[in-house]
Amino acid sequence: MTTQNRGLIARFTGLIRGMFASWIRDREERSPKAVYEHAIAERVTQYRDLKNAVAGILYMRNKLESEIGERRAEIARLHDDVRRAVRRGEEETSLSLIAHKQALFEELERAEQELEQVRAQAEEAKTNLIRFREEIRSLVREKGRMLATLANARARRRLQAAIEGLSVDAEMDALENVREHISRVVMESEVNKELGSDGDAFRMKLRGFRDEARRESARAELESLKQELGASVLPAEATRAAGVAPTLEVPAAG
């Protein structure tokens, strides 16, 4: 394969990688919640693995502490056994017990050194475990905060787009028409109120005129009757003054 072909393949591979990376980035930007959830899930898995490792270290620490305690107790018993064998004059037994005690001392020393290392590892592992747990909690809080910020920004962007898409002049014209209509309705109610009060006064005057006309008509009819009846009807004043009830004579039919 020539150098030119290898260069073309490398360029093509780089192009494919770039396109794939761009596609992944676009999907991540469109689904930030999924990205956060995946990151949190990964950290939770790592936290569980680390927790299991810490549990193993703590188990080793406790086991070494138990073994060291048993060896110390065994060394103390051997010390008493050596003294007892020496008092009995059992030299071989004493030498054997002393050698065994020395071997236990060497094992105890190695166990104590190993225990110090395990304790240091356990403390470091616990510190890392606590830090990792706090990182997960912080990431969960960040997820909620960032998703809320993103939702707010998207809502503002949609609102801005909606505002920019509106015709402000048309909206102002509509508002002006509504205001004018409301003003006309208010003025019509005021006019009706004024007309209502004036109409009542007019009706009162008209009723007075008609009552006066009826009284004048009645008075004219009364005067006409008086003239028609003539002397056969006593004046109401004279009859009332004489204490005689007024009588009405009806002329005989002709």
Protein backbone atom coordinates (compact mmCIF):
# COMPACT_ATOMS: atom_id res chain seq x y z
CA MET A 1 0.00 0.00 0.00
CA THR A 2 1.43 3.34 -1.01
CA THR A 3 1.87 6.31 1.28
CA GLN A 4 -0.83 8.21 -0.61
CA ASN A 5 -3.36 5.43 -0.08
CA ARG A 6 -2.52 5.24 3.61
CA GLY A 7 -2.99 9.01 3.84
CA LEU A 8 -6.38 8.80 2.15
CA ILE A 9 -7.50 6.04 4.48
CA ALA A 10 -6.34 8.02 7.50
CA ARG A 11 -8.18 11.10 6.26
CA PHE A 12 -11.33 9.05 5.61
CA THR A 13 -11.09 7.46 9.05
CA GLY A 14 -10.65 10.89 10.63
CA LEU A 15 -13.66 12.20 8.71
CA ILE A 16 -15.80 9.30 9.89
CA ARG A 17 -14.65 9.82 13.47
CA GLY A 18 -15.37 13.54 13.25
CA MET A 19 -18.84 12.95 11.80
CA PHE A 20 -19.60 10.36 14.47
CA ALA A 21 -18.33 12.65 17.23
CA SER A 22 -20.45 15.49 15.85
CA TRP A 23 -23.49 13.22 15.72
CA ILE A 24 -22.91 12.11 19.30
CA ARG A 25 -22.46 15.70 20.43
CA ASP A 26 -25.73 16.74 18.77
CA ARG A 27 -27.59 13.88 20.46
CA GLU A 28 -26.05 14.80 23.81
CA GLU A 29 -27.10 18.43 23.44
CA ARG A 30 -30.63 17.37 22.56
CA SER A 31 -30.88 14.96 25.50
CA PRO A 32 -28.95 16.48 28.43
CA LYS A 33 -31.06 14.53 30.92
CA ALA A 34 -29.93 11.22 29.40
CA VAL A 35 -26.30 12.35 29.52
CA TYR A 36 -26.55 13.26 33.20
CA GLU A 37 -28.35 10.02 34.04
CA HIS A 38 -25.70 7.97 32.22
CA ALA A 39 -22.89 9.80 34.02
CA ILE A 40 -24.60 9.28 37.37
CA ALA A 41 -25.22 5.60 36.61
CA GLU A 42 -21.54 5.13 35.72
CA ARG A 43 -20.44 6.76 38.95
CA VAL A 44 -22.90 4.70 40.96
CA THR A 45 -21.42 1.52 39.43
CA GLN A 46 -17.91 2.70 40.22
CA TYR A 47 -19.02 3.58 43.74
CA ARG A 48 -20.36 0.06 44.27
CA ASP A 49 -17.09 -1.46 43.01
CA LEU A 50 -15.09 0.83 45.27
CA LYS A 51 -17.37 0.00 48.17
CA ASN A 52 -16.77 -3.71 47.64
CA ALA A 53 -13.02 -3.06 47.55
CA VAL A 54 -13.21 -1.08 50.78
CA ALA A 55 -15.22 -3.89 52.35
CA GLY A 56 -12.44 -6.33 51.38
CA ILE A 57 -9.76 -4.09 52.89
CA LEU A 58 -11.74 -3.70 56.09
CA TYR A 59 -12.17 -7.46 56.24
CA MET A 60 -8.42 -7.92 55.92
CA ARG A 61 -7.82 -5.33 58.61
CA ASN A 62 -10.20 -7.01 61.05
CA LYS A 63 -8.75 -10.43 60.24
CA LEU A 64 -5.19 -9.24 60.88
CA GLU A 65 -6.21 -7.58 64.11
CA SER A 66 -7.82 -10.84 65.23
CA GLU A 67 -4.74 -12.88 64.25
CA ILE A 68 -2.41 -10.47 66.02
CA GLY A 69 -4.50 -10.73 69.16
CA GLU A 70 -4.40 -14.53 69.00
CA ARG A 71 -0.62 -14.58 68.46
CA ARG A 72 0.00 -12.28 71.36
CA ALA A 73 -2.11 -14.49 73.57
CA GLU A 74 -0.23 -17.56 72.29
CA ILE A 75 3.11 -15.86 72.93
CA ALA A 76 2.01 -15.12 76.50
CA ARG A 77 1.06 -18.77 77.02
CA LEU A 78 4.36 -19.95 75.53
CA HIS A 79 6.23 -17.66 77.88
CA ASP A 80 4.53 -19.37 80.83
CA ASP A 81 5.16 -22.81 79.31
CA VAL A 82 8.89 -22.04 78.93
CA ARG A 83 9.16 -20.99 82.57
CA ARG A 84 7.36 -24.13 83.62
CA ALA A 85 9.63 -26.38 81.51
CA VAL A 86 12.74 -24.67 82.88
CA ARG A 87 11.56 -25.23 86.44
CA ARG A 88 11.03 -28.90 85.64
CA GLY A 89 14.47 -29.17 84.11
CA GLU A 90 13.13 -30.12 80.67
CA GLU A 91 15.80 -28.42 78.59
CA GLU A 92 14.81 -29.79 75.20
CA THR A 93 11.21 -28.88 75.73
CA SER A 94 12.25 -25.41 76.86
CA LEU A 95 14.38 -24.88 73.74
CA SER A 96 11.56 -26.04 71.49
CA LEU A 97 9.07 -23.72 73.19
CA ILE A 98 11.49 -20.80 72.98
CA ALA A 99 12.05 -21.40 69.24
CA HIS A 100 8.33 -21.58 68.66
CA LYS A 101 7.86 -18.37 70.62
CA GLN A 102 10.48 -16.59 68.56
CA ALA A 103 8.80 -17.75 65.34
CA LEU A 104 5.53 -16.35 66.63
CA PHE A 105 7.28 -13.06 67.44
CA GLU A 106 8.52 -12.86 63.84
CA GLU A 107 5.04 -13.64 62.49
CA LEU A 108 3.57 -11.10 64.88
CA GLU A 109 5.98 -8.45 63.65
CA ARG A 110 5.13 -9.16 60.01
CA ALA A 111 1.39 -9.16 60.80
CA GLU A 112 1.66 -5.83 62.61
CA GLN A 113 3.52 -4.27 59.67
CA GLU A 114 0.92 -5.64 57.27
CA LEU A 115 -1.82 -4.36 59.56
CA GLU A 116 -0.36 -0.85 59.46
CA GLN A 117 -0.39 -0.93 55.67
CA VAL A 118 -3.93 -2.30 55.55
CA ARG A 119 -5.11 0.34 58.01
CA ALA A 120 -3.61 3.08 55.86
CA GLN A 121 -5.24 1.59 52.79
CA ALA A 122 -8.55 1.30 54.61
CA GLU A 123 -8.48 4.94 55.71
CA GLU A 124 -7.58 6.10 52.20
CA ALA A 125 -10.27 3.88 50.68
CA LYS A 126 -12.89 5.18 53.10
CA THR A 127 -11.89 8.76 52.31
CA ASN A 128 -12.15 8.09 48.58
CA LEU A 129 -15.48 6.32 49.08
CA ILE A 130 -16.91 9.30 50.97
CA ARG A 131 -15.55 11.72 48.36
CA PHE A 132 -16.99 9.62 45.55
CA ARG A 133 -20.37 9.49 47.26
CA GLU A 134 -20.39 13.26 47.69
CA GLU A 135 -19.44 13.64 44.03
CA ILE A 136 -22.45 11.54 43.02
CA ARG A 137 -24.75 13.60 45.24
CA SER A 138 -23.28 16.81 43.83
CA LEU A 139 -23.80 15.51 40.31
CA VAL A 140 -27.44 14.70 41.09
CA ARG A 141 -27.95 18.23 42.43
CA GLU A 142 -26.19 19.66 39.39
CA LYS A 143 -28.48 17.63 37.13
CA GLY A 144 -31.60 19.10 38.71
CA ARG A 145 -30.19 22.63 38.66
CA MET A 146 -28.89 22.50 35.09
CA LEU A 147 -32.03 20.87 33.69
CA ALA A 148 -34.14 23.54 35.38
CA THR A 149 -31.89 26.25 33.95
CA LEU A 150 -32.12 24.67 30.50
CA ALA A 151 -35.91 24.42 30.68
CA ASN A 152 -36.11 28.07 31.75
CA ALA A 153 -33.81 29.16 28.93
CA ARG A 154 -35.81 27.19 26.38
CA ALA A 155 -39.06 28.67 27.67
CA ARG A 156 -37.61 32.18 27.40
CA ARG A 157 -36.41 31.43 23.88
CA ARG A 158 -39.85 30.16 22.85
CA LEU A 159 -41.46 33.22 24.42
CA GLN A 160 -39.03 35.53 22.65
CA ALA A 161 -39.69 33.79 19.35
CA ALA A 162 -43.43 34.09 19.90
CA ILE A 163 -43.10 37.78 20.72
CA GLU A 164 -40.96 38.41 17.68
CA GLY A 165 -43.47 36.58 15.51
CA LEU A 166 -46.37 38.73 16.65
CA SER A 167 -47.58 41.80 14.75
CA VAL A 168 -47.37 44.57 17.31
CA ASP A 169 -49.31 47.04 15.16
CA ALA A 170 -52.19 44.62 14.76
CA GLU A 171 -52.29 43.97 18.48
CA MET A 172 -52.26 47.70 19.27
CA ASP A 173 -55.08 48.30 16.77
CA ALA A 174 -57.14 45.57 18.39
CA LEU A 175 -56.53 47.04 21.83
CA GLU A 176 -57.47 50.50 20.61
CA ASN A 177 -60.72 49.15 19.14
CA VAL A 178 -61.56 47.46 22.41
CA ARG A 179 -60.83 50.63 24.38
CA GLU A 180 -63.00 52.67 22.03
CA HIS A 181 -65.84 50.16 22.32
CA ILE A 182 -65.66 50.22 26.11
CA SER A 183 -65.72 54.03 26.10
CA ARG A 184 -68.80 54.06 23.84
CA VAL A 185 -70.60 51.59 26.08
CA VAL A 186 -69.81 53.73 29.12
CA MET A 187 -71.04 56.87 27.37
CA GLU A 188 -74.23 55.12 26.24
CA SER A 189 -74.98 54.19 29.82
CA GLU A 190 -74.44 57.83 30.86
CA VAL A 191 -76.71 59.06 28.08
CA ASN A 192 -79.40 56.58 29.09
CA LYS A 193 -79.13 57.81 32.64
CA GLU A 194 -79.49 61.44 31.60
CA LEU A 195 -82.34 60.66 29.24
CA GLY A 196 -84.03 58.65 31.94
CA SER A 197 -84.06 61.58 34.40
CA ASP A 198 -85.21 64.07 31.74
CA GLY A 199 -87.92 61.69 30.54
CA ASP A 200 -89.29 61.37 34.06
CA ALA A 201 -89.54 65.15 34.37
CA PHE A 202 -91.24 65.34 30.99
CA ARG A 203 -93.76 62.69 31.96
CA MET A 204 -94.51 64.47 35.23
CA LYS A 205 -95.17 67.70 33.35
CA LEU A 206 -97.32 65.92 30.80
CA ARG A 207 -99.34 64.25 33.56
CA GLY A 208 -99.84 67.66 35.22
CA PHE A 209 -101.03 69.17 31.96
CA ARG A 210 -103.50 66.36 31.43
CA ASP A 211 -104.79 66.51 35.00
CA GLU A 212 -105.31 70.24 34.62
CA ALA A 213 -107.07 69.68 31.30
CA ARG A 214 -109.36 67.13 32.94
CA ARG A 215 -110.17 69.57 35.76
CA GLU A 216 -110.91 72.34 33.27
CA SER A 217 -113.12 69.98 31.25
CA ALA A 218 -115.00 68.96 34.38
CA ARG A 219 -115.44 72.58 35.41
CA ALA A 220 -116.74 73.49 31.94
CA GLU A 221 -119.13 70.56 32.02
CA LEU A 222 -120.35 71.64 35.43
CA GLU A 223 -120.95 75.22 34.24
CA SER A 224 -122.79 73.86 31.23
CA LEU A 225 -125.04 71.77 33.45
CA LYS A 226 -125.74 74.74 35.67
CA GLN A 227 -126.75 76.85 32.71
CA GLU A 228 -128.89 74.06 31.31
CA LEU A 229 -130.76 73.43 34.50
CA GLY A 230 -131.23 77.14 35.29
CA ALA A 231 -133.37 78.04 38.25
CA SER A 232 -134.43 74.47 39.06
CA VAL A 233 -131.13 73.88 40.73
CA LEU A 234 -130.29 75.86 43.78
CA PRO A 235 -126.86 77.13 44.11
CA ALA A 236 -124.87 74.86 46.21
CA GLU A 237 -123.80 77.72 48.47
CA ALA A 238 -127.35 78.96 49.19
CA THR A 239 -128.72 75.50 49.86
CA ARG A 240 -125.82 74.70 52.15
CA ALA A 241 -126.35 78.01 54.02
CA ALA A 242 -130.12 77.36 54.48
CA GLY A 243 -129.51 73.85 55.77
CA VAL A 244 -131.69 72.35 53.02
CA ALA A 245 -130.51 69.39 51.02
CA PRO A 246 -130.25 70.24 47.42
CA THR A 247 -132.83 68.61 45.10
CA LEU A 248 -132.77 68.08 41.46
CA GLU A 249 -135.99 68.42 39.47
CA VAL A 250 -136.10 66.67 36.20
CA PRO A 251 -138.31 68.52 33.66
CA ALA A 252 -141.19 66.59 32.31
CA ALA A 253 -140.85 65.17 29.00
CA GLY A 254 -142.56 67.40 26.37
